[in-house]
N, C-alpha and C. Protein backbone atom coordinates (compact mmCIF):
# COMPACT_ATOMS: atom_id res chain seq x y z
N UNK A 1 0.27 -11.64 7.26
CA UNK A 1 -0.22 -12.25 6.10
C UNK A 1 0.37 -13.84 6.21
N UNK A 2 0.86 -14.09 7.25
CA UNK A 2 1.28 -15.54 7.30
C UNK A 2 2.10 -16.24 6.22
N UNK A 3 3.04 -15.34 5.86
CA UNK A 3 4.07 -15.72 4.83
C UNK A 3 3.39 -16.00 3.39
N UNK A 4 2.13 -15.41 3.17
CA UNK A 4 1.55 -15.51 1.79
C UNK A 4 2.36 -14.60 0.94
N UNK A 5 2.68 -14.99 -0.21
CA UNK A 5 3.35 -14.21 -1.20
C UNK A 5 2.79 -12.97 -1.52
N UNK A 6 3.54 -11.87 -1.49
CA UNK A 6 2.82 -10.44 -1.86
C UNK A 6 3.14 -10.19 -3.25
N UNK A 7 2.20 -9.48 -3.92
CA UNK A 7 2.35 -9.23 -5.21
C UNK A 7 2.04 -7.67 -5.55
N UNK A 8 2.65 -7.07 -6.47
CA UNK A 8 2.16 -5.75 -6.98
C UNK A 8 0.77 -5.55 -6.89
N UNK A 9 0.29 -4.51 -6.26
CA UNK A 9 -1.15 -4.23 -6.26
C UNK A 9 -1.87 -4.54 -4.93
N UNK A 10 -1.15 -5.55 -4.26
CA UNK A 10 -1.67 -5.87 -2.81
C UNK A 10 -1.66 -4.70 -1.97
N UNK A 11 -2.66 -4.63 -1.11
CA UNK A 11 -2.86 -3.60 -0.10
C UNK A 11 -2.80 -4.11 1.36
N UNK A 12 -1.78 -3.59 2.10
CA UNK A 12 -1.70 -4.25 3.41
C UNK A 12 -1.70 -3.05 4.53
N UNK A 13 -2.02 -3.51 5.68
CA UNK A 13 -1.96 -2.64 6.77
C UNK A 13 -0.66 -2.84 7.49
N UNK A 14 0.14 -1.85 7.73
CA UNK A 14 1.32 -1.94 8.36
C UNK A 14 1.39 -1.24 9.66
N UNK A 15 1.42 -2.08 10.71
CA UNK A 15 1.31 -1.64 12.11
C UNK A 15 2.50 -2.16 12.95
N UNK A 16 2.33 -2.00 14.25
CA UNK A 16 3.47 -2.43 15.12
C UNK A 16 3.93 -3.95 15.03
N UNK A 17 3.04 -4.75 14.50
CA UNK A 17 3.51 -6.20 14.30
C UNK A 17 4.45 -6.21 13.23
N UNK A 18 4.44 -5.34 12.29
CA UNK A 18 5.47 -5.32 11.20
C UNK A 18 6.69 -4.69 11.64
N UNK A 19 6.56 -3.70 12.16
CA UNK A 19 7.85 -2.88 12.69
C UNK A 19 7.39 -1.89 13.78
N UNK A 20 8.13 -1.73 14.89
CA UNK A 20 7.92 -0.76 15.85
C UNK A 20 7.76 0.59 15.37
N UNK A 21 8.47 0.96 14.37
CA UNK A 21 8.33 2.30 13.82
C UNK A 21 6.91 2.66 13.30
N UNK A 22 6.03 1.70 13.03
CA UNK A 22 4.67 1.87 12.65
C UNK A 22 3.53 1.56 13.81
N UNK A 23 3.99 2.08 14.98
CA UNK A 23 3.08 1.91 16.11
C UNK A 23 2.19 3.16 16.17
N UNK A 24 0.97 2.92 16.81
CA UNK A 24 0.09 4.03 17.04
C UNK A 24 -0.32 4.87 15.84
N UNK A 25 -0.10 6.09 15.89
CA UNK A 25 -0.59 6.90 14.62
C UNK A 25 0.21 6.82 13.41
N UNK A 26 1.48 6.03 13.62
CA UNK A 26 2.29 5.84 12.59
C UNK A 26 1.97 4.75 11.65
N UNK A 27 0.92 3.96 12.00
CA UNK A 27 0.37 2.73 11.25
C UNK A 27 -0.04 3.33 9.99
N UNK A 28 0.15 2.44 8.85
CA UNK A 28 -0.36 3.01 7.57
C UNK A 28 -0.94 1.89 6.71
N UNK A 29 -1.81 2.39 5.57
CA UNK A 29 -2.10 1.45 4.57
C UNK A 29 -1.17 1.56 3.51
N UNK A 30 -0.78 0.46 2.90
CA UNK A 30 0.31 0.46 1.84
C UNK A 30 -0.01 -0.32 0.65
N UNK A 31 0.17 0.25 -0.49
CA UNK A 31 -0.08 -0.48 -1.79
C UNK A 31 1.41 -0.96 -2.39
N UNK A 32 1.54 -2.28 -2.34
CA UNK A 32 2.79 -2.82 -2.84
C UNK A 32 2.94 -2.42 -4.29
N UNK A 33 4.14 -2.01 -4.73
CA UNK A 33 4.35 -2.01 -6.21
C UNK A 33 5.60 -2.97 -6.50
N UNK A 34 6.31 -3.28 -5.43
CA UNK A 34 7.58 -4.03 -5.78
C UNK A 34 7.96 -4.75 -4.42
N UNK A 35 8.31 -6.01 -4.47
CA UNK A 35 8.83 -6.80 -3.19
C UNK A 35 10.33 -7.14 -3.64
N UNK A 36 11.15 -6.56 -2.84
CA UNK A 36 12.63 -6.74 -3.20
C UNK A 36 13.04 -8.21 -3.09
N UNK A 37 13.54 -8.88 -4.08
CA UNK A 37 13.80 -10.39 -4.08
C UNK A 37 15.13 -10.61 -3.11
N UNK A 38 15.91 -9.59 -2.80
CA UNK A 38 17.17 -9.94 -2.10
C UNK A 38 16.83 -10.58 -0.66
N UNK A 39 17.70 -11.39 -0.31
CA UNK A 39 17.66 -12.09 1.08
C UNK A 39 18.06 -11.17 2.12
N UNK A 40 17.20 -11.04 3.21
CA UNK A 40 17.36 -10.28 4.25
C UNK A 40 17.40 -11.18 5.53
N UNK A 41 17.26 -10.51 6.76
CA UNK A 41 16.94 -11.16 8.02
C UNK A 41 15.78 -12.24 8.00
N UNK A 42 15.81 -13.37 8.41
CA UNK A 42 14.66 -14.21 8.33
C UNK A 42 13.34 -13.59 8.76
N UNK A 43 12.33 -13.68 7.83
CA UNK A 43 11.03 -13.10 8.24
C UNK A 43 10.92 -11.56 7.85
N UNK A 44 12.04 -11.03 7.29
CA UNK A 44 11.81 -9.68 7.15
C UNK A 44 11.98 -9.46 5.51
N UNK A 45 11.38 -8.41 5.06
CA UNK A 45 11.30 -7.95 3.47
C UNK A 45 11.35 -6.63 3.31
N UNK A 46 11.89 -6.10 2.23
CA UNK A 46 11.83 -4.71 1.80
C UNK A 46 10.72 -4.62 0.77
N UNK A 47 9.84 -3.67 0.90
CA UNK A 47 8.66 -3.41 0.06
C UNK A 47 8.83 -2.00 -0.52
N UNK A 48 8.52 -1.73 -1.73
CA UNK A 48 8.43 -0.43 -2.45
C UNK A 48 6.89 -0.28 -2.73
N UNK A 49 6.50 0.88 -2.35
CA UNK A 49 5.01 1.02 -2.74
C UNK A 49 4.63 2.46 -2.19
N UNK A 50 3.20 2.63 -2.14
CA UNK A 50 2.50 3.84 -1.93
C UNK A 50 1.82 3.88 -0.51
N UNK A 51 2.07 4.84 0.23
CA UNK A 51 1.10 5.06 1.56
C UNK A 51 -0.16 5.54 0.98
N UNK A 52 -1.24 4.89 1.38
CA UNK A 52 -2.55 5.32 0.84
C UNK A 52 -3.33 6.07 1.91
N UNK A 53 -4.20 7.14 1.31
CA UNK A 53 -5.03 7.85 2.21
C UNK A 53 -6.33 7.11 2.60
N UNK A 54 -7.16 7.76 3.30
CA UNK A 54 -8.36 7.12 3.90
C UNK A 54 -9.45 6.71 2.50
N UNK A 55 -9.15 7.45 1.36
CA UNK A 55 -10.10 7.19 0.32
C UNK A 55 -9.37 6.39 -0.79
N UNK A 56 -8.23 5.85 -0.48
CA UNK A 56 -7.51 4.87 -1.22
C UNK A 56 -6.54 5.61 -2.28
N UNK A 57 -6.35 6.93 -2.04
CA UNK A 57 -5.50 7.62 -3.03
C UNK A 57 -4.06 7.53 -2.52
N UNK A 58 -3.09 7.53 -3.53
CA UNK A 58 -1.66 7.40 -2.98
C UNK A 58 -1.20 8.80 -2.64
N UNK A 59 -0.54 8.79 -1.46
CA UNK A 59 -0.14 10.10 -0.72
C UNK A 59 1.32 10.24 -0.85
N UNK A 60 2.04 9.14 -0.68
CA UNK A 60 3.58 9.23 -0.77
C UNK A 60 4.18 7.88 -0.97
N UNK A 61 5.19 7.96 -1.93
CA UNK A 61 5.87 6.71 -2.21
C UNK A 61 7.15 6.34 -1.18
N UNK A 62 7.04 5.23 -0.75
CA UNK A 62 7.96 4.76 0.35
C UNK A 62 8.72 3.51 0.06
N UNK A 63 9.64 3.25 0.77
CA UNK A 63 10.42 1.97 0.82
C UNK A 63 10.44 1.55 2.31
N UNK A 64 9.93 0.38 2.58
CA UNK A 64 9.75 0.02 4.03
C UNK A 64 10.39 -1.34 4.23
N UNK A 65 10.93 -1.46 5.29
CA UNK A 65 11.60 -2.84 5.81
C UNK A 65 10.65 -3.36 7.23
N UNK A 66 10.12 -4.41 6.78
CA UNK A 66 9.03 -4.98 7.68
C UNK A 66 9.10 -6.43 7.80
N UNK A 67 8.34 -6.99 8.98
CA UNK A 67 8.42 -8.40 9.19
C UNK A 67 7.17 -8.75 8.38
N UNK A 68 7.27 -9.81 7.52
CA UNK A 68 6.36 -10.27 6.60
C UNK A 68 5.03 -10.76 7.34
N UNK A 69 5.35 -11.43 8.42
CA UNK A 69 4.19 -12.00 9.18
C UNK A 69 3.38 -10.93 9.94
N UNK A 70 3.93 -9.67 10.21
CA UNK A 70 3.19 -8.62 10.73
C UNK A 70 2.28 -7.82 9.84
N UNK A 71 2.18 -8.10 8.63
CA UNK A 71 1.39 -7.41 7.67
C UNK A 71 0.03 -8.00 7.45
N UNK A 72 -0.97 -7.23 7.43
CA UNK A 72 -2.37 -7.70 7.34
C UNK A 72 -3.02 -7.21 6.11
N UNK A 73 -3.88 -8.03 5.35
CA UNK A 73 -4.62 -7.53 4.29
C UNK A 73 -5.45 -6.36 4.65
N UNK A 74 -5.53 -5.33 3.71
CA UNK A 74 -6.39 -4.15 4.04
C UNK A 74 -7.25 -3.97 2.93
N UNK A 75 -8.42 -3.46 3.16
CA UNK A 75 -9.45 -3.21 2.08
C UNK A 75 -9.56 -1.66 1.96
N UNK A 76 -9.51 -1.26 0.79
CA UNK A 76 -9.52 0.29 0.58
C UNK A 76 -10.60 0.61 -0.33
N UNK A 77 -11.29 1.79 -0.35
CA UNK A 77 -12.22 2.17 -1.50
C UNK A 77 -11.23 2.69 -2.57
N UNK A 78 -11.81 2.33 -3.69
CA UNK A 78 -11.00 2.99 -4.97
C UNK A 78 -11.19 4.50 -4.92
N UNK A 79 -10.06 5.12 -5.35
CA UNK A 79 -10.19 6.62 -5.41
C UNK A 79 -11.40 7.20 -6.30
N UNK A 80 -11.97 8.23 -5.93
CA UNK A 80 -13.13 8.66 -6.65
C UNK A 80 -12.86 9.14 -8.22
N UNK A 81 -13.67 8.62 -9.01
CA UNK A 81 -13.50 8.86 -10.48
C UNK A 81 -14.02 10.20 -10.76
N UNK A 82 -13.51 11.09 -11.43
CA UNK A 82 -13.95 12.37 -11.92
C UNK A 82 -14.34 12.28 -13.36
N UNK A 83 -15.38 12.80 -13.67
CA UNK A 83 -15.85 12.60 -14.95
C UNK A 83 -15.77 14.12 -15.79
N UNK A 84 -15.36 14.08 -17.02
CA UNK A 84 -15.22 15.30 -17.65
C UNK A 84 -16.13 15.16 -18.70
N UNK A 85 -16.96 16.17 -18.92
CA UNK A 85 -17.99 16.22 -19.83
C UNK A 85 -17.52 16.51 -21.30
N UNK A 86 -17.81 15.78 -22.31
CA UNK A 86 -17.26 16.19 -23.50
C UNK A 86 -18.31 16.93 -24.25
N UNK A 87 -18.01 17.84 -25.13
CA UNK A 87 -18.95 18.63 -25.78
C UNK A 87 -19.04 18.11 -27.28
N UNK A 88 -20.14 17.82 -27.72
CA UNK A 88 -20.28 17.39 -29.17
C UNK A 88 -20.32 18.60 -30.00
N UNK A 89 -19.76 18.59 -31.33
CA UNK A 89 -19.93 19.66 -32.14
C UNK A 89 -21.19 20.19 -32.43
N UNK A 90 -21.39 21.52 -32.43
CA UNK A 90 -22.65 22.23 -32.54
C UNK A 90 -23.29 22.41 -31.35
N UNK A 91 -23.01 21.75 -30.15
CA UNK A 91 -23.64 21.98 -28.89
C UNK A 91 -22.95 23.06 -28.15
N UNK A 92 -23.65 23.90 -27.45
CA UNK A 92 -23.08 24.98 -26.46
C UNK A 92 -22.29 24.29 -25.39
């Protein structure tokens, strides 16, 4: 994300460019809920957020330490909305 400021709600792809621990099948899509403001190693940040599934649903809450420059914007579909039918008085 080329040092673009991250904000709660941003969704990023976390792969090997962000940290070797996210190589291959371990890459993930991550919705940011908090960027830790503490100073760390140059170019690295702590993020709190949720690992997202293919449908955009939150699967797991995590805290990750990654290279900011290695994060890439990710597009996700919103989770499916379920509709509940309401009954009106007098109707079966």
